[in-house]
C-alpha atoms as a PDB file:
ATOM      1  CA  UNK A   1      46.604 -57.268  -3.297  1.00  0.00           C
ATOM      2  CA  UNK A   2      48.521 -58.671  -0.162  1.00  0.00           C
ATOM      3  CA  UNK A   3      50.752 -56.267   1.691  1.00  0.00           C
ATOM      4  CA  UNK A   4      53.212 -59.058   1.744  1.00  0.00           C
ATOM      5  CA  UNK A   5      53.451 -59.263  -2.064  1.00  0.00           C
ATOM      6  CA  UNK A   6      53.801 -55.439  -2.380  1.00  0.00           C
ATOM      7  CA  UNK A   7      56.781 -55.579   0.243  1.00  0.00           C
ATOM      8  CA  UNK A   8      58.055 -58.314  -1.571  1.00  0.00           C
ATOM      9  CA  UNK A   9      57.993 -56.197  -5.057  1.00  0.00           C
ATOM     10  CA  UNK A  10      59.341 -53.147  -3.342  1.00  0.00           C
ATOM     11  CA  UNK A  11      62.431 -54.673  -1.711  1.00  0.00           C
ATOM     12  CA  UNK A  12      62.765 -56.484  -4.878  1.00  0.00           C
ATOM     13  CA  UNK A  13      63.051 -53.088  -6.450  1.00  0.00           C
ATOM     14  CA  UNK A  14      65.305 -51.608  -4.367  1.00  0.00           C
ATOM     15  CA  UNK A  15      67.920 -54.262  -4.992  1.00  0.00           C
ATOM     16  CA  UNK A  16      67.738 -54.053  -8.590  1.00  0.00           C
ATOM     17  CA  UNK A  17      68.118 -50.080  -8.243  1.00  0.00           C
ATOM     18  CA  UNK A  18      71.423 -50.767  -5.915  1.00  0.00           C
ATOM     19  CA  UNK A  19      72.702 -53.511  -8.420  1.00  0.00           C
ATOM     20  CA  UNK A  20      72.699 -51.121 -11.589  1.00  0.00           C
ATOM     21  CA  UNK A  21      74.739 -48.890  -9.052  1.00  0.00           C
ATOM     22  CA  UNK A  22      77.220 -51.482  -8.308  1.00  0.00           C
ATOM     23  CA  UNK A  23      77.299 -52.394 -12.261  1.00  0.00           C
ATOM     24  CA  UNK A  24      78.184 -48.996 -12.595  1.00  0.00           C
ATOM     25  CA  UNK A  25      80.799 -49.192 -10.134  1.00  0.00           C
ATOM     26  CA  UNK A  26      82.214 -52.266 -11.948  1.00  0.00           C
ATOM     27  CA  UNK A  27      82.660 -50.287 -15.442  1.00  0.00           C
ATOM     28  CA  UNK A  28      84.201 -47.615 -13.233  1.00  0.00           C
ATOM     29  CA  UNK A  29      86.704 -49.014 -11.193  1.00  0.00           C
ATOM     30  CA  UNK A  30      87.630 -51.422 -14.455  1.00  0.00           C
ATOM     31  CA  UNK A  31      86.627 -54.590 -12.407  1.00  0.00           C
ATOM     32  CA  UNK A  32      84.444 -56.249 -15.384  1.00  0.00           C
ATOM     33  CA  UNK A  33      87.180 -58.789 -15.933  1.00  0.00           C
ATOM     34  CA  UNK A  34      87.873 -59.265 -12.676  1.00  0.00           C
ATOM     35  CA  UNK A  35      86.582 -62.701 -12.616  1.00  0.00           C
ATOM     36  CA  UNK A  36      88.814 -63.608 -15.867  1.00  0.00           C
ATOM     37  CA  UNK A  37      86.107 -64.852 -18.674  1.00  0.00           C
ATOM     38  CA  UNK A  38      84.629 -67.682 -16.494  1.00  0.00           C
ATOM     39  CA  UNK A  39      80.593 -67.556 -16.033  1.00  0.00           C
ATOM     40  CA  UNK A  40      79.141 -68.505 -13.366  1.00  0.00           C
ATOM     41  CA  UNK A  41      82.396 -69.191 -12.330  1.00  0.00           C
ATOM     42  CA  UNK A  42      84.999 -66.549 -11.143  1.00  0.00           C
ATOM     43  CA  UNK A  43      88.412 -67.578 -12.080  1.00  0.00           C
ATOM     44  CA  UNK A  44      87.356 -71.465 -12.548  1.00  0.00           C
ATOM     45  CA  UNK A  45      85.983 -71.383  -8.911  1.00  0.00           C
ATOM     46  CA  UNK A  46      82.962 -71.019  -6.898  1.00  0.00           C
ATOM     47  CA  UNK A  47      84.388 -69.388  -3.752  1.00  0.00           C
ATOM     48  CA  UNK A  48      87.913 -67.469  -5.633  1.00  0.00           C
ATOM     49  CA  UNK A  49      90.386 -65.524  -3.651  1.00  0.00           C
ATOM     50  CA  UNK A  50      89.481 -62.080  -3.268  1.00  0.00           C
ATOM     51  CA  UNK A  51      93.174 -60.499  -2.736  1.00  0.00           C
ATOM     52  CA  UNK A  52      92.488 -58.336  -5.845  1.00  0.00           C
ATOM     53  CA  UNK A  53      90.393 -55.741  -5.499  1.00  0.00           C
ATOM     54  CA  UNK A  54      88.714 -55.879  -9.205  1.00  0.00           C
ATOM     55  CA  UNK A  55      87.958 -59.490  -8.141  1.00  0.00           C
ATOM     56  CA  UNK A  56      86.256 -58.723  -5.170  1.00  0.00           C
ATOM     57  CA  UNK A  57      84.064 -55.560  -6.740  1.00  0.00           C
ATOM     58  CA  UNK A  58      82.898 -57.914  -9.885  1.00  0.00           C
ATOM     59  CA  UNK A  59      82.185 -61.469  -7.372  1.00  0.00           C
ATOM     60  CA  UNK A  60      80.037 -58.879  -5.187  1.00  0.00           C
ATOM     61  CA  UNK A  61      78.462 -58.048  -7.834  1.00  0.00           C
ATOM     62  CA  UNK A  62      77.639 -61.005  -8.950  1.00  0.00           C
ATOM     63  CA  UNK A  63      76.600 -62.078  -5.475  1.00  0.00           C
ATOM     64  CA  UNK A  64      74.132 -59.281  -5.790  1.00  0.00           C
ATOM     65  CA  UNK A  65      73.072 -60.361  -9.118  1.00  0.00           C
ATOM     66  CA  UNK A  66      72.349 -63.803  -7.850  1.00  0.00           C
ATOM     67  CA  UNK A  67      70.444 -62.520  -4.722  1.00  0.00           C
ATOM     68  CA  UNK A  68      68.341 -60.407  -7.099  1.00  0.00           C
ATOM     69  CA  UNK A  69      67.592 -63.206  -9.093  1.00  0.00           C
ATOM     70  CA  UNK A  70      66.188 -65.093  -6.148  1.00  0.00           C
ATOM     71  CA  UNK A  71      64.000 -62.140  -5.048  1.00  0.00           C
ATOM     72  CA  UNK A  72      62.667 -61.931  -8.837  1.00  0.00           C
ATOM     73  CA  UNK A  73      61.907 -65.721  -9.441  1.00  0.00           C
ATOM     74  CA  UNK A  74      60.247 -65.639  -5.869  1.00  0.00           C
ATOM     75  CA  UNK A  75      58.014 -62.925  -6.901  1.00  0.00           C
ATOM     76  CA  UNK A  76      57.258 -64.134  -9.986  1.00  0.00           C
ATOM     77  CA  UNK A  77      56.303 -67.380  -7.824  1.00  0.00           C
ATOM     78  CA  UNK A  78      53.995 -65.311  -5.123  1.00  0.00           C
ATOM     79  CA  UNK A  79      52.058 -63.695  -8.130  1.00  0.00           C
ATOM     80  CA  UNK A  80      51.147 -67.028  -9.850  1.00  0.00           C
ATOM     81  CA  UNK A  81      50.158 -68.376  -6.088  1.00  0.00           C
ATOM     82  CA  UNK A  82      47.846 -65.268  -6.136  1.00  0.00           C
ATOM     83  CA  UNK A  83      46.501 -65.197  -9.111  1.00  0.00           C
ATOM     84  CA  UNK A  84      45.230 -68.901  -8.824  1.00  0.00           C
ATOM     85  CA  UNK A  85      43.910 -67.838  -5.568  1.00  0.00           C
ATOM     86  CA  UNK A  86      42.032 -65.080  -6.701  1.00  0.00           C
ATOM     87  CA  UNK A  87      40.787 -66.707  -9.646  1.00  0.00           C
ATOM     88  CA  UNK A  88      39.546 -69.898  -7.579  1.00  0.00           C
ATOM     89  CA  UNK A  89      37.636 -66.717  -5.202  1.00  0.00           C
ATOM     90  CA  UNK A  90      39.696 -67.780  -2.120  1.00  0.00           C
ATOM     91  CA  UNK A  91      40.700 -64.162  -1.930  1.00  0.00           C
ATOM     92  CA  UNK A  92      38.360 -61.610  -1.240  1.00  0.00           C
ATOM     93  CA  UNK A  93      39.445 -57.696  -2.363  1.00  0.00           C
ATOM     94  CA  UNK A  94      40.654 -55.601   0.324  1.00  0.00           C
ATOM     95  CA  UNK A  95      41.464 -51.621   0.674  1.00  0.00           C
ATOM     96  CA  UNK A  96      44.412 -51.196   1.970  1.00  0.00           C
ATOM     97  CA  UNK A  97      44.049 -48.272   4.833  1.00  0.00           C
ATOM     98  CA  UNK A  98      46.526 -45.899   2.883  1.00  0.00           C
ATOM     99  CA  UNK A  99      44.657 -45.754   0.174  1.00  0.00           C
ATOM    100  CA  UNK A 100      40.682 -45.361   1.452  1.00  0.00           C
ATOM    101  CA  UNK A 101      41.095 -41.740   2.450  1.00  0.00           C
ATOM    102  CA  UNK A 102      42.131 -41.150  -1.346  1.00  0.00           C
ATOM    103  CA  UNK A 103      38.659 -41.776  -2.222  1.00  0.00           C
ATOM    104  CA  UNK A 104      36.419 -38.555  -3.726  1.00  0.00           C
ATOM    105  CA  UNK A 105      33.789 -40.484  -2.168  1.00  0.00           C
ATOM    106  CA  UNK A 106      32.318 -42.070   1.267  1.00  0.00           C
ATOM    107  CA  UNK A 107      33.511 -45.643   1.084  1.00  0.00           C
ATOM    108  CA  UNK A 108      30.051 -46.688   1.686  1.00  0.00           C
ATOM    109  CA  UNK A 109      29.195 -46.538  -1.783  1.00  0.00           C
ATOM    110  CA  UNK A 110      31.405 -49.198  -2.328  1.00  0.00           C
ATOM    111  CA  UNK A 111      29.833 -52.234  -3.060  1.00  0.00           C
ATOM    112  CA  UNK A 112      30.147 -55.116  -0.582  1.00  0.00           C
ATOM    113  CA  UNK A 113      33.836 -57.086  -0.804  1.00  0.00           C
ATOM    114  CA  UNK A 114      31.032 -60.099  -2.220  1.00  0.00           C
ATOM    115  CA  UNK A 115      30.720 -58.015  -4.958  1.00  0.00           C
ATOM    116  CA  UNK A 116      33.978 -56.816  -5.862  1.00  0.00           C
ATOM    117  CA  UNK A 117      35.937 -58.567  -8.072  1.00  0.00           C
ATOM    118  CA  UNK A 118      39.262 -59.627  -6.168  1.00  0.00           C
ATOM    119  CA  UNK A 119      42.158 -57.753  -7.158  1.00  0.00           C
ATOM    120  CA  UNK A 120      45.076 -59.864  -8.181  1.00  0.00           C
ATOM    121  CA  UNK A 121      48.530 -59.025  -9.108  1.00  0.00           C
ATOM    122  CA  UNK A 122      48.824 -58.320 -12.906  1.00  0.00           C
ATOM    123  CA  UNK A 123      51.340 -60.144 -15.345  1.00  0.00           C
ATOM    124  CA  UNK A 124      54.210 -57.552 -14.850  1.00  0.00           C
ATOM    125  CA  UNK A 125      55.690 -60.082 -12.409  1.00  0.00           C
ATOM    126  CA  UNK A 126      56.363 -62.727 -15.364  1.00  0.00           C
ATOM    127  CA  UNK A 127      57.443 -60.540 -17.578  1.00  0.00           C
ATOM    128  CA  UNK A 128      59.767 -59.437 -14.970  1.00  0.00           C
ATOM    129  CA  UNK A 129      61.016 -63.078 -14.808  1.00  0.00           C
ATOM    130  CA  UNK A 130      61.579 -62.969 -18.554  1.00  0.00           C
ATOM    131  CA  UNK A 131      63.533 -59.572 -18.322  1.00  0.00           C
ATOM    132  CA  UNK A 132      65.690 -61.610 -15.672  1.00  0.00           C
ATOM    133  CA  UNK A 133      66.324 -64.461 -17.644  1.00  0.00           C
ATOM    134  CA  UNK A 134      67.254 -62.118 -20.433  1.00  0.00           C
ATOM    135  CA  UNK A 135      69.752 -60.273 -18.433  1.00  0.00           C
ATOM    136  CA  UNK A 136      71.268 -62.902 -17.117  1.00  0.00           C
ATOM    137  CA  UNK A 137      72.146 -63.989 -20.396  1.00  0.00           C
ATOM    138  CA  UNK A 138      73.457 -60.972 -21.449  1.00  0.00           C
ATOM    139  CA  UNK A 139      75.688 -61.014 -18.433  1.00  0.00           C
ATOM    140  CA  UNK A 140      77.082 -64.600 -19.715  1.00  0.00           C
ATOM    141  CA  UNK A 141      77.480 -62.815 -23.039  1.00  0.00           C
ATOM    142  CA  UNK A 142      79.111 -59.916 -21.752  1.00  0.00           C
ATOM    143  CA  UNK A 143      81.640 -61.770 -19.758  1.00  0.00           C
ATOM    144  CA  UNK A 144      82.756 -64.449 -22.336  1.00  0.00           C
ATOM    145  CA  UNK A 145      83.059 -61.745 -24.968  1.00  0.00           C
ATOM    146  CA  UNK A 146      84.956 -59.528 -22.809  1.00  0.00           C
ATOM    147  CA  UNK A 147      82.786 -56.581 -22.547  1.00  0.00           C
ATOM    148  CA  UNK A 148      82.217 -55.184 -25.884  1.00  0.00           C
ATOM    149  CA  UNK A 149      80.195 -52.079 -25.567  1.00  0.00           C
ATOM    150  CA  UNK A 150      77.315 -53.142 -27.613  1.00  0.00           C
ATOM    151  CA  UNK A 151      76.540 -56.203 -24.798  1.00  0.00           C
ATOM    152  CA  UNK A 152      77.244 -53.468 -21.973  1.00  0.00           C
ATOM    153  CA  UNK A 153      74.432 -51.144 -23.129  1.00  0.00           C
ATOM    154  CA  UNK A 154      72.058 -53.963 -23.871  1.00  0.00           C
ATOM    155  CA  UNK A 155      72.645 -54.932 -20.408  1.00  0.00           C
ATOM    156  CA  UNK A 156      71.993 -51.996 -18.620  1.00  0.00           C
ATOM    157  CA  UNK A 157      68.980 -51.186 -20.863  1.00  0.00           C
ATOM    158  CA  UNK A 158      67.682 -54.806 -19.871  1.00  0.00           C
ATOM    159  CA  UNK A 159      68.298 -53.795 -16.192  1.00  0.00           C
ATOM    160  CA  UNK A 160      66.596 -50.577 -16.352  1.00  0.00           C
ATOM    161  CA  UNK A 161      63.589 -52.452 -17.756  1.00  0.00           C
ATOM    162  CA  UNK A 162      63.357 -54.593 -15.251  1.00  0.00           C
ATOM    163  CA  UNK A 163      63.317 -51.740 -12.748  1.00  0.00           C
ATOM    164  CA  UNK A 164      60.508 -50.390 -14.105  1.00  0.00           C
ATOM    165  CA  UNK A 165      58.648 -53.360 -14.516  1.00  0.00           C
ATOM    166  CA  UNK A 166      59.310 -53.816 -10.572  1.00  0.00           C
ATOM    167  CA  UNK A 167      58.124 -51.053  -9.592  1.00  0.00           C
ATOM    168  CA  UNK A 168      55.236 -51.326 -11.762  1.00  0.00           C
ATOM    169  CA  UNK A 169      54.581 -54.590  -9.852  1.00  0.00           C
ATOM    170  CA  UNK A 170      54.942 -52.885  -6.611  1.00  0.00           C
ATOM    171  CA  UNK A 171      52.466 -50.192  -7.623  1.00  0.00           C
ATOM    172  CA  UNK A 172      50.160 -52.320  -8.073  1.00  0.00           C
ATOM    173  CA  UNK A 173      46.402 -52.211 -10.127  1.00  0.00           C
ATOM    174  CA  UNK A 174      45.548 -48.419  -9.981  1.00  0.00           C
ATOM    175  CA  UNK A 175      42.298 -48.698  -7.930  1.00  0.00           C
ATOM    176  CA  UNK A 176      40.615 -45.720  -8.519  1.00  0.00           C
ATOM    177  CA  UNK A 177      36.996 -46.278  -9.652  1.00  0.00           C
ATOM    178  CA  UNK A 178      34.544 -43.356  -9.963  1.00  0.00           C
ATOM    179  CA  UNK A 179      31.682 -42.715  -8.078  1.00  0.00           C
ATOM    180  CA  UNK A 180      29.201 -43.442 -11.156  1.00  0.00           C
ATOM    181  CA  UNK A 181      30.156 -46.519 -11.951  1.00  0.00           C
ATOM    182  CA  UNK A 182      29.657 -47.653  -8.271  1.00  0.00           C
ATOM    183  CA  UNK A 183      26.125 -46.375  -8.271  1.00  0.00           C
ATOM    184  CA  UNK A 184      23.349 -45.767 -10.116  1.00  0.00           C
ATOM    185  CA  UNK A 185      23.236 -41.914  -9.775  1.00  0.00           C
ATOM    186  CA  UNK A 186      23.060 -40.145 -12.925  1.00  0.00           C
ATOM    187  CA  UNK A 187      25.849 -38.460 -14.276  1.00  0.00           C
ATOM    188  CA  UNK A 188      25.697 -35.195 -16.668  1.00  0.00           C
ATOM    189  CA  UNK A 189      27.481 -35.680 -19.899  1.00  0.00           C
ATOM    190  CA  UNK A 190      30.280 -33.590 -21.560  1.00  0.00           C
ATOM    191  CA  UNK A 191      28.990 -31.575 -24.347  1.00  0.00           C
ATOM    192  CA  UNK A 192      29.222 -33.448 -27.753  1.00  0.00           C
ATOM    193  CA  UNK A 193      29.828 -36.662 -25.826  1.00  0.00           C
ATOM    194  CA  UNK A 194      27.200 -39.940 -26.650  1.00  0.00           C
ATOM    195  CA  UNK A 195      25.021 -41.036 -23.670  1.00  0.00           C
ATOM    196  CA  UNK A 196      27.084 -44.265 -23.541  1.00  0.00           C
ATOM    197  CA  UNK A 197      30.186 -42.802 -22.571  1.00  0.00           C
ATOM    198  CA  UNK A 198      29.363 -40.895 -20.102  1.00  0.00           C
ATOM    199  CA  UNK A 199      32.096 -38.034 -20.829  1.00  0.00           C
ATOM    200  CA  UNK A 200      35.108 -40.074 -19.134  1.00  0.00           C
ATOM    201  CA  UNK A 201      38.133 -39.413 -20.842  1.00  0.00           C
ATOM    202  CA  UNK A 202      41.756 -41.181 -20.765  1.00  0.00           C
ATOM    203  CA  UNK A 203      44.266 -40.256 -17.900  1.00  0.00           C
ATOM    204  CA  UNK A 204      45.617 -36.676 -18.239  1.00  0.00           C
ATOM    205  CA  UNK A 205      49.031 -36.341 -19.694  1.00  0.00           C
ATOM    206  CA  UNK A 206      49.293 -40.110 -20.221  1.00  0.00           C
ATOM    207  CA  UNK A 207      50.665 -39.780 -23.629  1.00  0.00           C
ATOM    208  CA  UNK A 208      52.887 -36.756 -22.684  1.00  0.00           C
ATOM    209  CA  UNK A 209      53.948 -39.186 -19.830  1.00  0.00           C
ATOM    210  CA  UNK A 210      55.249 -42.143 -22.224  1.00  0.00           C
ATOM    211  CA  UNK A 211      56.802 -39.615 -24.399  1.00  0.00           C
ATOM    212  CA  UNK A 212      58.891 -38.326 -21.196  1.00  0.00           C
ATOM    213  CA  UNK A 213      59.649 -42.213 -20.647  1.00  0.00           C
ATOM    214  CA  UNK A 214      60.792 -42.784 -24.123  1.00  0.00           C
ATOM    215  CA  UNK A 215      63.130 -40.015 -24.135  1.00  0.00           C
ATOM    216  CA  UNK A 216      64.796 -40.575 -20.849  1.00  0.00           C
ATOM    217  CA  UNK A 217      65.445 -44.411 -21.693  1.00  0.00           C
ATOM    218  CA  UNK A 218      67.110 -43.244 -25.082  1.00  0.00           C
ATOM    219  CA  UNK A 219      68.825 -40.617 -22.681  1.00  0.00           C
ATOM    220  CA  UNK A 220      70.074 -43.534 -20.293  1.00  0.00           C
ATOM    221  CA  UNK A 221      71.158 -45.569 -23.180  1.00  0.00           C
ATOM    222  CA  UNK A 222      73.056 -42.340 -25.151  1.00  0.00           C
ATOM    223  CA  UNK A 223      74.774 -41.991 -21.595  1.00  0.00           C
ATOM    224  CA  UNK A 224      76.099 -45.696 -21.357  1.00  0.00           C
ATOM    225  CA  UNK A 225      77.495 -45.604 -25.066  1.00  0.00           C
ATOM    226  CA  UNK A 226      79.101 -42.315 -24.025  1.00  0.00           C
ATOM    227  CA  UNK A 227      80.622 -44.280 -21.238  1.00  0.00           C
ATOM    228  CA  UNK A 228      81.437 -47.650 -22.793  1.00  0.00           C
ATOM    229  CA  UNK A 229      82.857 -45.855 -26.147  1.00  0.00           C
ATOM    230  CA  UNK A 230      85.567 -43.942 -23.872  1.00  0.00           C
ATOM    231  CA  UNK A 231      83.455 -40.380 -25.078  1.00  0.00           C
ATOM    232  CA  UNK A 232      82.893 -39.340 -21.568  1.00  0.00           C
ATOM    233  CA  UNK A 233      86.130 -36.950 -21.950  1.00  0.00           C
ATOM    234  CA  UNK A 234      85.379 -35.976 -25.554  1.00  0.00           C
ATOM    235  CA  UNK A 235      83.688 -32.713 -24.773  1.00  0.00           C
ATOM    236  CA  UNK A 236      85.624 -30.572 -22.260  1.00  0.00           C
ATOM    237  CA  UNK A 237      83.807 -27.761 -20.896  1.00  0.00           C
ATOM    238  CA  UNK A 238      80.567 -26.781 -19.810  1.00  0.00           C
ATOM    239  CA  UNK A 239      77.550 -26.496 -21.331  1.00  0.00           C
ATOM    240  CA  UNK A 240      78.811 -26.452 -24.753  1.00  0.00           C
ATOM    241  CA  UNK A 241      81.217 -28.926 -26.110  1.00  0.00           C
ATOM    242  CA  UNK A 242      84.829 -27.870 -25.903  1.00  0.00           C
ATOM    243  CA  UNK A 243      83.718 -24.051 -26.471  1.00  0.00           C
ATOM    244  CA  UNK A 244      81.244 -24.865 -30.170  1.00  0.00           C
ATOM    245  CA  UNK A 245      77.745 -24.953 -30.218  1.00  0.00           C
ATOM    246  CA  UNK A 246      78.470 -27.904 -32.841  1.00  0.00           C
ATOM    247  CA  UNK A 247      81.617 -29.885 -32.349  1.00  0.00           C
ATOM    248  CA  UNK A 248      83.644 -30.417 -34.958  1.00  0.00           C
ATOM    249  CA  UNK A 249      85.636 -32.850 -33.953  1.00  0.00           C
ATOM    250  CA  UNK A 250      85.833 -37.165 -34.173  1.00  0.00           C
ATOM    251  CA  UNK A 251      82.669 -39.474 -33.235  1.00  0.00           C
ATOM    252  CA  UNK A 252      83.629 -39.472 -30.008  1.00  0.00           C
ATOM    253  CA  UNK A 253      82.582 -36.043 -29.742  1.00  0.00           C
ATOM    254  CA  UNK A 254      79.488 -36.393 -31.322  1.00  0.00           C
ATOM    255  CA  UNK A 255      78.589 -39.263 -28.883  1.00  0.00           C
ATOM    256  CA  UNK A 256      78.703 -36.922 -26.071  1.00  0.00           C
ATOM    257  CA  UNK A 257      76.964 -33.870 -27.656  1.00  0.00           C
ATOM    258  CA  UNK A 258      74.095 -36.303 -28.565  1.00  0.00           C
ATOM    259  CA  UNK A 259      73.763 -37.459 -25.093  1.00  0.00           C
ATOM    260  CA  UNK A 260      74.454 -33.860 -23.698  1.00  0.00           C
ATOM    261  CA  UNK A 261      71.552 -32.599 -25.808  1.00  0.00           C
ATOM    262  CA  UNK A 262      69.195 -35.482 -25.151  1.00  0.00           C
ATOM    263  CA  UNK A 263      69.728 -34.258 -21.472  1.00  0.00           C
ATOM    264  CA  UNK A 264      68.614 -30.658 -22.069  1.00  0.00           C
ATOM    265  CA  UNK A 265      65.691 -31.764 -23.995  1.00  0.00           C
ATOM    266  CA  UNK A 266      64.479 -34.027 -21.502  1.00  0.00           C
ATOM    267  CA  UNK A 267      64.919 -31.073 -18.895  1.00  0.00           C
ATOM    268  CA  UNK A 268      63.167 -28.656 -20.949  1.00  0.00           C
ATOM    269  CA  UNK A 269      60.340 -31.658 -21.410  1.00  0.00           C
ATOM    270  CA  UNK A 270      59.804 -32.724 -17.786  1.00  0.00           C
ATOM    271  CA  UNK A 271      59.515 -29.163 -17.000  1.00  0.00           C
ATOM    272  CA  UNK A 272      56.769 -28.479 -19.606  1.00  0.00           C
ATOM    273  CA  UNK A 273      54.801 -31.906 -18.695  1.00  0.00           C
ATOM    274  CA  UNK A 274      55.443 -31.082 -14.938  1.00  0.00           C
ATOM    275  CA  UNK A 275      53.524 -27.748 -15.715  1.00  0.00           C
ATOM    276  CA  UNK A 276      50.880 -29.126 -17.661  1.00  0.00           C
ATOM    277  CA  UNK A 277      49.884 -32.311 -15.732  1.00  0.00           C
ATOM    278  CA  UNK A 278      50.231 -30.703 -12.428  1.00  0.00           C
ATOM    279  CA  UNK A 279      51.852 -33.883 -10.832  1.00  0.00           C
ATOM    280  CA  UNK A 280      53.892 -33.346  -8.070  1.00  0.00           C
ATOM    281  CA  UNK A 281      55.388 -36.379  -9.337  1.00  0.00           C
ATOM    282  CA  UNK A 282      56.779 -34.791 -12.390  1.00  0.00           C
ATOM    283  CA  UNK A 283      58.216 -32.143 -10.379  1.00  0.00           C
ATOM    284  CA  UNK A 284      59.874 -34.066  -8.510  1.00  0.00           C
ATOM    285  CA  UNK A 285      61.562 -35.599 -11.442  1.00  0.00           C
ATOM    286  CA  UNK A 286      62.404 -32.406 -13.028  1.00  0.00           C
ATOM    287  CA  UNK A 287      64.588 -31.739  -9.415  1.00  0.00           C
ATOM    288  CA  UNK A 288      66.261 -34.885  -9.809  1.00  0.00           C
ATOM    289  CA  UNK A 289      67.542 -34.126 -13.553  1.00  0.00           C
ATOM    290  CA  UNK A 290      68.074 -30.340 -12.358  1.00  0.00           C
ATOM    291  CA  UNK A 291      70.625 -32.198  -9.602  1.00  0.00           C
ATOM    292  CA  UNK A 292      71.662 -34.565 -12.408  1.00  0.00           C
ATOM    293  CA  UNK A 293      73.073 -32.142 -14.731  1.00  0.00           C
ATOM    294  CA  UNK A 294      74.388 -30.291 -12.153  1.00  0.00           C
ATOM    295  CA  UNK A 295      76.516 -33.439 -10.867  1.00  0.00           C
ATOM    296  CA  UNK A 296      77.108 -33.947 -14.858  1.00  0.00           C
ATOM    297  CA  UNK A 297      78.579 -30.530 -15.337  1.00  0.00           C
ATOM    298  CA  UNK A 298      80.944 -30.974 -12.173  1.00  0.00           C
ATOM    299  CA  UNK A 299      81.867 -34.531 -13.846  1.00  0.00           C
ATOM    300  CA  UNK A 300      83.456 -32.273 -16.784  1.00  0.00           C
ATOM    301  CA  UNK A 301      84.787 -29.501 -15.340  1.00  0.00           C
ATOM    302  CA  UNK A 302      86.912 -31.959 -12.629  1.00  0.00           C
ATOM    303  CA  UNK A 303      88.063 -34.221 -14.794  1.00  0.00           C
ATOM    304  CA  UNK A 304      85.538 -37.332 -14.165  1.00  0.00           C
ATOM    305  CA  UNK A 305      86.252 -38.646 -10.653  1.00  0.00           C
ATOM    306  CA  UNK A 306      85.205 -41.562  -9.790  1.00  0.00           C
ATOM    307  CA  UNK A 307      82.571 -40.955  -6.976  1.00  0.00           C
ATOM    308  CA  UNK A 308      80.779 -38.548  -8.968  1.00  0.00           C
ATOM    309  CA  UNK A 309      80.478 -40.997 -11.985  1.00  0.00           C
ATOM    310  CA  UNK A 310      79.104 -43.180  -9.675  1.00  0.00           C
ATOM    311  CA  UNK A 311      76.798 -40.723  -8.364  1.00  0.00           C
ATOM    312  CA  UNK A 312      76.329 -39.808 -11.959  1.00  0.00           C
ATOM    313  CA  UNK A 313      74.855 -43.663 -12.820  1.00  0.00           C
ATOM    314  CA  UNK A 314      72.988 -43.306  -9.124  1.00  0.00           C
ATOM    315  CA  UNK A 315      71.179 -40.252 -10.078  1.00  0.00           C
ATOM    316  CA  UNK A 316      70.426 -41.427 -13.638  1.00  0.00           C
ATOM    317  CA  UNK A 317      68.728 -44.162 -12.550  1.00  0.00           C
ATOM    318  CA  UNK A 318      66.571 -42.469 -10.104  1.00  0.00           C
ATOM    319  CA  UNK A 319      65.529 -40.023 -12.799  1.00  0.00           C
ATOM    320  CA  UNK A 320      64.079 -43.260 -14.821  1.00  0.00           C
ATOM    321  CA  UNK A 321      62.478 -44.776 -11.729  1.00  0.00           C
ATOM    322  CA  UNK A 322      60.846 -41.515 -10.827  1.00  0.00           C
ATOM    323  CA  UNK A 323      59.591 -41.401 -14.524  1.00  0.00           C
ATOM    324  CA  UNK A 324      57.968 -44.735 -14.151  1.00  0.00           C
ATOM    325  CA  UNK A 325      56.336 -43.586 -10.868  1.00  0.00           C
ATOM    326  CA  UNK A 326      55.057 -40.317 -12.163  1.00  0.00           C
ATOM    327  CA  UNK A 327      53.726 -41.992 -15.292  1.00  0.00           C
ATOM    328  CA  UNK A 328      52.059 -44.558 -13.259  1.00  0.00           C
ATOM    329  CA  UNK A 329      50.478 -42.273 -10.591  1.00  0.00           C
ATOM    330  CA  UNK A 330      47.472 -40.037 -10.750  1.00  0.00           C
ATOM    331  CA  UNK A 331      47.065 -35.902 -11.040  1.00  0.00           C
ATOM    332  CA  UNK A 332      48.338 -34.070  -8.411  1.00  0.00           C
ATOM    333  CA  UNK A 333      50.877 -37.167  -7.647  1.00  0.00           C
END
């Protein structure tokens, strides 16, 4: 896969991450309606006066969204071009220098480039383009309807899916061929395996990793629900909710408490998964979740200062990105 394509994909993913954090700043500062109910214009103008802080923040958020849109469209176009070239046989498969040392066998045992099928970008870039279109539509609906919580939550959820898809595009196809598939050397069978199977099993920890992804995504969505319903201050104290294991207050306390329980569950599950899989990436996510819990506790105990709220969202997005990377990596990564 083209190094330029990979760099473009990583650039788009990083910019999408920053856009998510900027979107959180829009919410925290109450700037969501800084451009009124106009879309795509701001207060009815292409270049509005920026004498109000809310307008300035929201307008910059829209400019950043436009930049990410251009990057995603360019990435999808580049993917289409590379896929067409590899389909026509114009581009050979090359192993990146950074990946050559990862092979557990000499590269001389690889078949010649002319005998290897070309590696081309997956269709994930097209999925990212579709998610971008959905994200733009949700952004317009959110503004037109004056920021109802359900559209804000869907907006964030789609942004997280877009980020995950861009990370998948940037990582590219995992080129990890096994020696017995590249050479005719015999390989002992695993007891109970059929002769045709060669004892090959799926990637270790894949299902637990996918479960961690689902749990992380639900936790992020409940965090957005907690923030947008005004439930962030419903549970005082930490780690309990108003000193109770089971809050007996209103629905906002229950929403907040469910978010905390999901976060605690995610932490425990990730520790188990990291021990079971032995992946360094999983342990890195455990560290991020630990820091996220600490920031969340400080945020509650200090009466929700805006900088900590923004940091909470930034870390939560980092946890999500780290989960995607950890699940996509192999053992020991």
